[in-house]
Amino acid sequence: MATPGAKDGDVLEIDLRKLKVREIEEIEEQLGVGFDVAFSGERPKGRALRVCAWVFQKRDHPDVTLEEMGDFVIKVKDPDEADPTSAPGS
């Protein structure tokens, strides 16, 4: 399986609502703080977003490195954004 190197402008969409417990634990371990603390207040978000993107990318590419994630454009899915795969009223 090839490692996904980002090309200029490659976008990786992440949905923080769809993390597995073990993934949250891995994020907390990498950041050294709780998940809620990592995204609170005035705390810098760059490393937290890189680690989250890395965790998502590892689902399909287990050998991807944290360093490789630095060239991706990260789009965090808006929790209020409608899911285009679900029909209204379903």
Protein backbone atom coordinates (compact mmCIF):
# COMPACT_ATOMS: atom_id res chain seq x y z
CA MET A 1 0.00 0.00 0.00
CA ALA A 2 1.55 3.31 -1.06
CA THR A 3 2.00 6.07 1.46
CA PRO A 4 -0.22 9.04 0.60
CA GLY A 5 2.06 11.99 -0.02
CA ALA A 6 0.16 15.26 -0.25
CA LYS A 7 0.47 17.34 -3.36
CA ASP A 8 0.03 21.09 -3.20
CA GLY A 9 -3.60 21.77 -2.34
CA ASP A 10 -4.60 18.18 -1.48
CA VAL A 11 -7.53 18.39 0.93
CA LEU A 12 -8.18 15.87 3.69
CA GLU A 13 -11.63 16.18 5.25
CA ILE A 14 -11.92 14.99 8.82
CA ASP A 15 -15.06 14.56 10.88
CA LEU A 16 -14.16 14.76 14.57
CA ARG A 17 -17.56 13.25 15.42
CA LYS A 18 -16.49 9.94 13.87
CA LEU A 19 -13.46 9.07 15.97
CA LYS A 20 -13.09 5.67 17.60
CA VAL A 21 -12.22 5.56 21.29
CA ARG A 22 -8.76 4.14 20.53
CA GLU A 23 -8.20 7.00 18.06
CA ILE A 24 -9.10 9.58 20.70
CA GLU A 25 -6.66 7.87 23.06
CA GLU A 26 -3.94 8.01 20.41
CA ILE A 27 -4.58 11.71 19.79
CA GLU A 28 -4.39 12.42 23.53
CA GLU A 29 -1.17 10.42 23.82
CA GLN A 30 0.45 12.31 20.93
CA LEU A 31 -0.62 15.70 22.29
CA GLY A 32 -0.07 15.00 25.97
CA VAL A 33 -3.43 16.55 26.89
CA GLY A 34 -7.08 15.50 26.90
CA PHE A 35 -9.05 15.77 23.66
CA ASP A 36 -11.29 18.53 25.01
CA VAL A 37 -8.25 20.53 26.17
CA ALA A 38 -6.51 20.17 22.79
CA PHE A 39 -9.27 22.14 21.05
CA SER A 40 -10.15 24.62 23.78
CA GLY A 41 -9.58 28.32 24.24
CA GLU A 42 -6.46 30.01 23.02
CA ARG A 43 -4.45 26.80 22.65
CA PRO A 44 -2.61 26.47 19.29
CA LYS A 45 -4.47 24.13 16.92
CA GLY A 46 -1.84 23.24 14.29
CA ARG A 47 -0.33 20.17 15.94
CA ALA A 48 -3.76 18.99 17.14
CA LEU A 49 -5.12 19.14 13.57
CA ARG A 50 -2.04 17.39 12.18
CA VAL A 51 -2.41 14.57 14.72
CA CYS A 52 -6.15 14.22 14.01
CA ALA A 53 -5.51 14.10 10.27
CA TRP A 54 -2.79 11.50 10.82
CA VAL A 55 -5.16 9.31 12.83
CA PHE A 56 -7.81 9.51 10.08
CA GLN A 57 -5.28 8.83 7.32
CA LYS A 58 -3.91 5.79 9.19
CA ARG A 59 -7.27 4.07 8.74
CA ASP A 60 -6.45 3.45 5.07
CA HIS A 61 -2.67 3.95 5.15
CA PRO A 62 -1.25 2.43 8.36
CA ASP A 63 2.33 3.37 7.45
CA VAL A 64 1.70 7.10 6.98
CA THR A 65 3.86 9.26 9.23
CA LEU A 66 2.92 12.28 11.27
CA GLU A 67 5.52 14.28 9.33
CA GLU A 68 3.79 13.51 6.00
CA MET A 69 0.58 15.12 7.20
CA GLY A 70 2.10 18.60 7.19
CA ASP A 71 1.43 19.21 3.50
CA PHE A 72 -2.29 18.47 3.53
CA VAL A 73 -4.96 21.13 3.64
CA ILE A 74 -7.22 20.07 6.50
CA LYS A 75 -10.96 20.62 6.25
CA VAL A 76 -12.79 19.92 9.49
CA LYS A 77 -16.35 18.85 8.70
CA ASP A 78 -18.84 21.36 10.07
CA PRO A 79 -21.04 19.60 12.63
CA ASP A 80 -24.01 21.66 11.43
CA GLU A 81 -23.45 20.79 7.76
CA ALA A 82 -26.19 18.58 6.31
CA ASP A 83 -25.09 15.07 5.37
CA PRO A 84 -25.58 14.81 1.57
CA THR A 85 -25.95 11.02 1.82
CA SER A 86 -29.05 11.16 4.01
CA ALA A 87 -32.47 12.04 2.70
CA PRO A 88 -34.63 14.46 4.69
CA GLY A 89 -37.06 12.67 6.94
CA SER A 90 -35.16 9.37 6.88
